Amino acid sequence: SLGCGNPVALASLQPGEVVLDIGSGAGADLFPAAQRVGPTGRVIGVDMLEEMLARARKTAQQRGYTNVEFRQGDASHLPVEDGSIDVVMSNCVINLVEDKGQVFQEAYRVLKPGGR
């Protein structure tokens, strides 16, 4: 689905996985994902707006999250290394992007073989 939902539940996240949240905003889905992947996993949030990333960083610091990181970027040009992600998730973002095909190409680029 390209709309809104509960990506953390749908992704069946496992401890130790590396997750990318495209359009992570203030972290509404990122922080539950970080809890699921645990201390051996990691969640990377990418958002276009520095203001949203600042809010997420503040929340992470206040709540003691050590397995999250935040990067400013665009869904069509993700600031993420090739083949480095186990799971890509996004909530209420891809439906707003004009070139959805480019976003999916980027998601595929950053996924590890067998990633989802």
N, C-alpha and C. Protein backbone atom coordinates (compact mmCIF):
# COMPACT_ATOMS: atom_id res chain seq x y z
N SER A 1 0.83 -1.19 0.00
CA SER A 1 0.00 0.00 0.00
C SER A 1 0.87 1.25 0.00
N LEU A 2 0.45 2.26 -0.72
CA LEU A 2 1.21 3.51 -0.77
C LEU A 2 0.67 4.55 0.19
N GLY A 3 -0.33 4.22 0.97
CA GLY A 3 -0.94 5.17 1.88
C GLY A 3 -0.36 5.08 3.28
N CYS A 4 -1.26 5.17 4.26
CA CYS A 4 -0.85 5.17 5.67
C CYS A 4 -1.29 3.87 6.33
N GLY A 5 -0.54 3.48 7.34
CA GLY A 5 -0.86 2.26 8.06
C GLY A 5 0.05 2.06 9.24
N ASN A 6 0.37 0.81 9.54
CA ASN A 6 1.24 0.47 10.65
C ASN A 6 2.42 -0.33 10.09
N PRO A 7 3.43 0.35 9.53
CA PRO A 7 4.52 -0.37 8.88
C PRO A 7 5.34 -1.24 9.83
N VAL A 8 5.43 -0.88 11.09
CA VAL A 8 6.21 -1.67 12.03
C VAL A 8 5.58 -3.05 12.18
N ALA A 9 4.27 -3.09 12.32
CA ALA A 9 3.58 -4.38 12.45
C ALA A 9 3.66 -5.18 11.16
N LEU A 10 3.48 -4.51 10.03
CA LEU A 10 3.49 -5.21 8.75
C LEU A 10 4.86 -5.75 8.37
N ALA A 11 5.92 -5.11 8.82
CA ALA A 11 7.27 -5.49 8.42
C ALA A 11 7.81 -6.71 9.17
N SER A 12 7.16 -7.13 10.25
CA SER A 12 7.63 -8.26 11.06
C SER A 12 9.11 -8.11 11.39
N LEU A 13 9.46 -6.99 11.96
CA LEU A 13 10.86 -6.69 12.27
C LEU A 13 11.42 -7.67 13.29
N GLN A 14 12.70 -8.00 13.10
CA GLN A 14 13.39 -8.97 13.96
C GLN A 14 14.59 -8.31 14.65
N PRO A 15 14.95 -8.80 15.84
CA PRO A 15 16.14 -8.28 16.50
C PRO A 15 17.37 -8.36 15.59
N GLY A 16 18.16 -7.30 15.61
CA GLY A 16 19.40 -7.27 14.84
C GLY A 16 19.28 -6.71 13.44
N GLU A 17 18.06 -6.49 12.96
CA GLU A 17 17.91 -5.99 11.60
C GLU A 17 18.25 -4.50 11.50
N VAL A 18 18.65 -4.10 10.29
CA VAL A 18 18.89 -2.70 9.97
C VAL A 18 17.70 -2.23 9.15
N VAL A 19 17.02 -1.20 9.65
CA VAL A 19 15.77 -0.73 9.06
C VAL A 19 15.96 0.71 8.57
N LEU A 20 15.39 1.01 7.42
CA LEU A 20 15.35 2.37 6.90
C LEU A 20 13.91 2.85 6.92
N ASP A 21 13.68 3.99 7.53
CA ASP A 21 12.36 4.62 7.55
C ASP A 21 12.42 5.84 6.64
N ILE A 22 11.80 5.73 5.46
CA ILE A 22 11.79 6.83 4.49
C ILE A 22 10.69 7.81 4.88
N GLY A 23 11.08 9.06 5.09
CA GLY A 23 10.12 10.07 5.53
C GLY A 23 9.78 9.89 6.99
N SER A 24 10.82 9.73 7.80
CA SER A 24 10.66 9.36 9.21
C SER A 24 10.05 10.44 10.08
N GLY A 25 10.08 11.69 9.63
CA GLY A 25 9.48 12.77 10.41
C GLY A 25 10.05 12.83 11.81
N ALA A 26 9.18 12.99 12.79
CA ALA A 26 9.60 13.09 14.18
C ALA A 26 9.82 11.73 14.84
N GLY A 27 9.59 10.64 14.08
CA GLY A 27 9.92 9.31 14.59
C GLY A 27 8.77 8.46 15.05
N ALA A 28 7.55 8.78 14.66
CA ALA A 28 6.37 8.02 15.12
C ALA A 28 6.48 6.52 14.83
N ASP A 29 7.06 6.16 13.70
CA ASP A 29 7.24 4.74 13.37
C ASP A 29 8.66 4.28 13.66
N LEU A 30 9.60 5.19 13.62
CA LEU A 30 11.01 4.87 13.82
C LEU A 30 11.28 4.32 15.22
N PHE A 31 10.71 4.95 16.24
CA PHE A 31 11.01 4.51 17.61
C PHE A 31 10.41 3.14 17.94
N PRO A 32 9.18 2.84 17.53
CA PRO A 32 8.69 1.46 17.73
C PRO A 32 9.55 0.44 16.96
N ALA A 33 10.02 0.82 15.77
CA ALA A 33 10.91 -0.08 15.01
C ALA A 33 12.21 -0.30 15.78
N ALA A 34 12.75 0.74 16.37
CA ALA A 34 13.99 0.62 17.13
C ALA A 34 13.82 -0.32 18.33
N GLN A 35 12.66 -0.29 18.93
CA GLN A 35 12.38 -1.21 20.04
C GLN A 35 12.36 -2.65 19.53
N ARG A 36 11.76 -2.86 18.36
CA ARG A 36 11.67 -4.22 17.80
C ARG A 36 13.03 -4.79 17.42
N VAL A 37 13.89 -3.97 16.81
CA VAL A 37 15.19 -4.51 16.36
C VAL A 37 16.19 -4.59 17.51
N GLY A 38 15.91 -3.90 18.59
CA GLY A 38 16.72 -4.01 19.79
C GLY A 38 18.12 -3.43 19.68
N PRO A 39 18.92 -3.66 20.71
CA PRO A 39 20.26 -3.04 20.77
C PRO A 39 21.23 -3.56 19.71
N THR A 40 20.96 -4.72 19.14
CA THR A 40 21.85 -5.24 18.09
C THR A 40 21.41 -4.79 16.70
N GLY A 41 20.25 -4.16 16.61
CA GLY A 41 19.75 -3.63 15.35
C GLY A 41 19.94 -2.13 15.27
N ARG A 42 19.47 -1.57 14.17
CA ARG A 42 19.62 -0.13 13.97
C ARG A 42 18.51 0.35 13.06
N VAL A 43 18.03 1.56 13.31
CA VAL A 43 17.03 2.18 12.46
C VAL A 43 17.57 3.53 11.99
N ILE A 44 17.52 3.72 10.68
CA ILE A 44 17.96 4.98 10.07
C ILE A 44 16.71 5.71 9.59
N GLY A 45 16.54 6.92 10.06
CA GLY A 45 15.43 7.75 9.60
C GLY A 45 15.93 8.77 8.60
N VAL A 46 15.25 8.86 7.46
CA VAL A 46 15.58 9.86 6.45
C VAL A 46 14.37 10.76 6.29
N ASP A 47 14.60 12.06 6.38
CA ASP A 47 13.53 13.03 6.17
C ASP A 47 14.10 14.25 5.46
N MET A 48 13.25 14.93 4.71
CA MET A 48 13.68 16.14 4.00
C MET A 48 13.85 17.32 4.93
N LEU A 49 13.10 17.35 6.01
CA LEU A 49 13.03 18.53 6.86
C LEU A 49 13.92 18.42 8.09
N GLU A 50 14.87 19.33 8.19
CA GLU A 50 15.77 19.35 9.34
C GLU A 50 14.99 19.55 10.64
N GLU A 51 13.91 20.31 10.58
CA GLU A 51 13.09 20.55 11.78
C GLU A 51 12.54 19.24 12.34
N MET A 52 12.09 18.35 11.47
CA MET A 52 11.56 17.06 11.91
C MET A 52 12.68 16.18 12.46
N LEU A 53 13.83 16.20 11.80
CA LEU A 53 14.97 15.43 12.27
C LEU A 53 15.42 15.91 13.64
N ALA A 54 15.40 17.22 13.85
CA ALA A 54 15.79 17.77 15.15
C ALA A 54 14.84 17.30 16.25
N ARG A 55 13.56 17.26 15.94
CA ARG A 55 12.58 16.75 16.91
C ARG A 55 12.85 15.28 17.23
N ALA A 56 13.14 14.50 16.19
CA ALA A 56 13.42 13.07 16.40
C ALA A 56 14.70 12.88 17.21
N ARG A 57 15.73 13.65 16.90
CA ARG A 57 16.99 13.54 17.66
C ARG A 57 16.76 13.87 19.14
N LYS A 58 15.96 14.89 19.40
CA LYS A 58 15.67 15.28 20.77
C LYS A 58 14.93 14.16 21.51
N THR A 59 13.95 13.57 20.84
CA THR A 59 13.21 12.45 21.44
C THR A 59 14.14 11.27 21.72
N ALA A 60 15.00 10.96 20.76
CA ALA A 60 15.94 9.85 20.93
C ALA A 60 16.83 10.09 22.15
N GLN A 61 17.31 11.31 22.28
CA GLN A 61 18.19 11.64 23.40
C GLN A 61 17.42 11.56 24.72
N GLN A 62 16.22 12.12 24.75
CA GLN A 62 15.41 12.12 25.97
C GLN A 62 15.05 10.70 26.42
N ARG A 63 14.80 9.81 25.46
CA ARG A 63 14.36 8.46 25.77
C ARG A 63 15.50 7.44 25.80
N GLY A 64 16.71 7.89 25.53
CA GLY A 64 17.87 7.01 25.64
C GLY A 64 18.06 6.02 24.51
N TYR A 65 17.53 6.31 23.34
CA TYR A 65 17.73 5.42 22.19
C TYR A 65 19.17 5.54 21.68
N THR A 66 19.83 4.41 21.53
CA THR A 66 21.20 4.41 21.02
C THR A 66 21.31 3.69 19.67
N ASN A 67 20.21 3.12 19.21
CA ASN A 67 20.24 2.34 17.97
C ASN A 67 19.50 3.04 16.83
N VAL A 68 19.47 4.37 16.87
CA VAL A 68 18.82 5.15 15.82
C VAL A 68 19.79 6.20 15.29
N GLU A 69 19.60 6.55 14.03
CA GLU A 69 20.34 7.67 13.45
C GLU A 69 19.44 8.38 12.46
N PHE A 70 19.75 9.63 12.21
CA PHE A 70 18.89 10.47 11.38
C PHE A 70 19.72 11.14 10.31
N ARG A 71 19.18 11.13 9.08
CA ARG A 71 19.88 11.73 7.95
C ARG A 71 18.89 12.59 7.16
N GLN A 72 19.36 13.77 6.78
CA GLN A 72 18.52 14.62 5.95
C GLN A 72 18.66 14.17 4.50
N GLY A 73 17.53 14.00 3.83
CA GLY A 73 17.58 13.57 2.45
C GLY A 73 16.20 13.43 1.84
N ASP A 74 16.22 13.03 0.61
CA ASP A 74 15.03 12.95 -0.24
C ASP A 74 14.75 11.48 -0.56
N ALA A 75 13.49 11.11 -0.58
CA ALA A 75 13.11 9.72 -0.87
C ALA A 75 13.57 9.26 -2.24
N SER A 76 13.76 10.19 -3.15
CA SER A 76 14.20 9.86 -4.51
C SER A 76 15.70 9.74 -4.65
N HIS A 77 16.43 10.18 -3.63
CA HIS A 77 17.91 10.12 -3.61
C HIS A 77 18.35 9.87 -2.18
N LEU A 78 18.20 8.64 -1.73
CA LEU A 78 18.43 8.30 -0.32
C LEU A 78 19.91 8.39 0.05
N PRO A 79 20.22 9.05 1.16
CA PRO A 79 21.60 9.14 1.64
C PRO A 79 21.99 7.88 2.42
N VAL A 80 21.94 6.75 1.72
CA VAL A 80 22.17 5.44 2.33
C VAL A 80 23.00 4.61 1.37
N GLU A 81 23.92 3.82 1.92
CA GLU A 81 24.83 3.00 1.13
C GLU A 81 24.07 1.86 0.43
N ASP A 82 24.56 1.48 -0.73
CA ASP A 82 24.00 0.35 -1.47
C ASP A 82 24.05 -0.92 -0.61
N GLY A 83 23.00 -1.72 -0.69
CA GLY A 83 23.00 -3.04 -0.07
C GLY A 83 23.24 -3.06 1.43
N SER A 84 22.76 -2.04 2.15
CA SER A 84 23.06 -1.95 3.58
C SER A 84 21.84 -2.13 4.49
N ILE A 85 20.67 -2.33 3.92
CA ILE A 85 19.42 -2.30 4.69
C ILE A 85 18.69 -3.64 4.60
N ASP A 86 18.18 -4.13 5.74
CA ASP A 86 17.38 -5.35 5.76
C ASP A 86 15.92 -5.07 5.40
N VAL A 87 15.39 -3.98 5.94
CA VAL A 87 13.97 -3.66 5.77
C VAL A 87 13.81 -2.17 5.47
N VAL A 88 13.04 -1.86 4.42
CA VAL A 88 12.67 -0.47 4.13
C VAL A 88 11.20 -0.30 4.48
N MET A 89 10.90 0.74 5.24
CA MET A 89 9.51 1.04 5.55
C MET A 89 9.26 2.53 5.33
N SER A 90 8.01 2.86 5.14
CA SER A 90 7.60 4.24 4.93
C SER A 90 6.13 4.33 5.24
N ASN A 91 5.72 5.43 5.83
CA ASN A 91 4.32 5.59 6.22
C ASN A 91 3.84 6.98 5.83
N CYS A 92 2.84 7.03 4.97
CA CYS A 92 2.22 8.30 4.56
C CYS A 92 3.19 9.21 3.82
N VAL A 93 4.13 8.64 3.06
CA VAL A 93 5.11 9.46 2.35
C VAL A 93 5.16 9.15 0.86
N ILE A 94 5.30 7.88 0.51
CA ILE A 94 5.47 7.53 -0.91
C ILE A 94 4.27 7.98 -1.73
N ASN A 95 3.08 7.95 -1.13
CA ASN A 95 1.89 8.41 -1.84
C ASN A 95 1.98 9.89 -2.21
N LEU A 96 2.84 10.65 -1.55
CA LEU A 96 2.98 12.08 -1.82
C LEU A 96 4.07 12.40 -2.84
N VAL A 97 4.89 11.41 -3.18
CA VAL A 97 6.02 11.62 -4.09
C VAL A 97 5.54 11.49 -5.53
N GLU A 98 5.97 12.42 -6.38
CA GLU A 98 5.55 12.39 -7.78
C GLU A 98 6.10 11.18 -8.52
N ASP A 99 7.41 10.92 -8.40
CA ASP A 99 8.04 9.82 -9.13
C ASP A 99 8.22 8.62 -8.21
N LYS A 100 7.14 7.87 -8.04
CA LYS A 100 7.17 6.71 -7.15
C LYS A 100 8.15 5.65 -7.62
N GLY A 101 8.29 5.51 -8.93
CA GLY A 101 9.23 4.54 -9.48
C GLY A 101 10.64 4.80 -9.02
N GLN A 102 11.04 6.06 -8.97
CA GLN A 102 12.39 6.42 -8.51
C GLN A 102 12.57 6.06 -7.04
N VAL A 103 11.54 6.26 -6.24
CA VAL A 103 11.61 5.90 -4.81
C VAL A 103 11.80 4.39 -4.66
N PHE A 104 11.05 3.62 -5.45
CA PHE A 104 11.19 2.17 -5.37
C PHE A 104 12.56 1.70 -5.87
N GLN A 105 13.09 2.36 -6.88
CA GLN A 105 14.45 2.04 -7.35
C GLN A 105 15.47 2.30 -6.24
N GLU A 106 15.30 3.40 -5.54
CA GLU A 106 16.20 3.72 -4.43
C GLU A 106 16.07 2.70 -3.31
N ALA A 107 14.85 2.33 -2.98
CA ALA A 107 14.64 1.31 -1.94
C ALA A 107 15.33 0.02 -2.33
N TYR A 108 15.19 -0.39 -3.57
CA TYR A 108 15.84 -1.62 -4.05
C TYR A 108 17.36 -1.50 -3.97
N ARG A 109 17.88 -0.33 -4.32
CA ARG A 109 19.33 -0.10 -4.31
C ARG A 109 19.91 -0.29 -2.91
N VAL A 110 19.22 0.21 -1.89
CA VAL A 110 19.77 0.17 -0.53
C VAL A 110 19.54 -1.16 0.18
N LEU A 111 18.60 -1.97 -0.34
CA LEU A 111 18.32 -3.25 0.31
C LEU A 111 19.44 -4.26 0.11
N LYS A 112 19.69 -5.03 1.16
CA LYS A 112 20.58 -6.18 1.07
C LYS A 112 19.89 -7.24 0.22
N PRO A 113 20.65 -8.16 -0.37
CA PRO A 113 20.01 -9.28 -1.06
C PRO A 113 19.06 -9.99 -0.08
N GLY A 114 17.84 -10.23 -0.53
CA GLY A 114 16.85 -10.87 0.33
C GLY A 114 16.13 -9.91 1.26
N GLY A 115 16.47 -8.62 1.20
CA GLY A 115 15.82 -7.64 2.05
C GLY A 115 14.37 -7.44 1.64
N ARG A 116 13.65 -6.75 2.49
CA ARG A 116 12.23 -6.51 2.21
C ARG A 116 11.82 -5.10 2.57
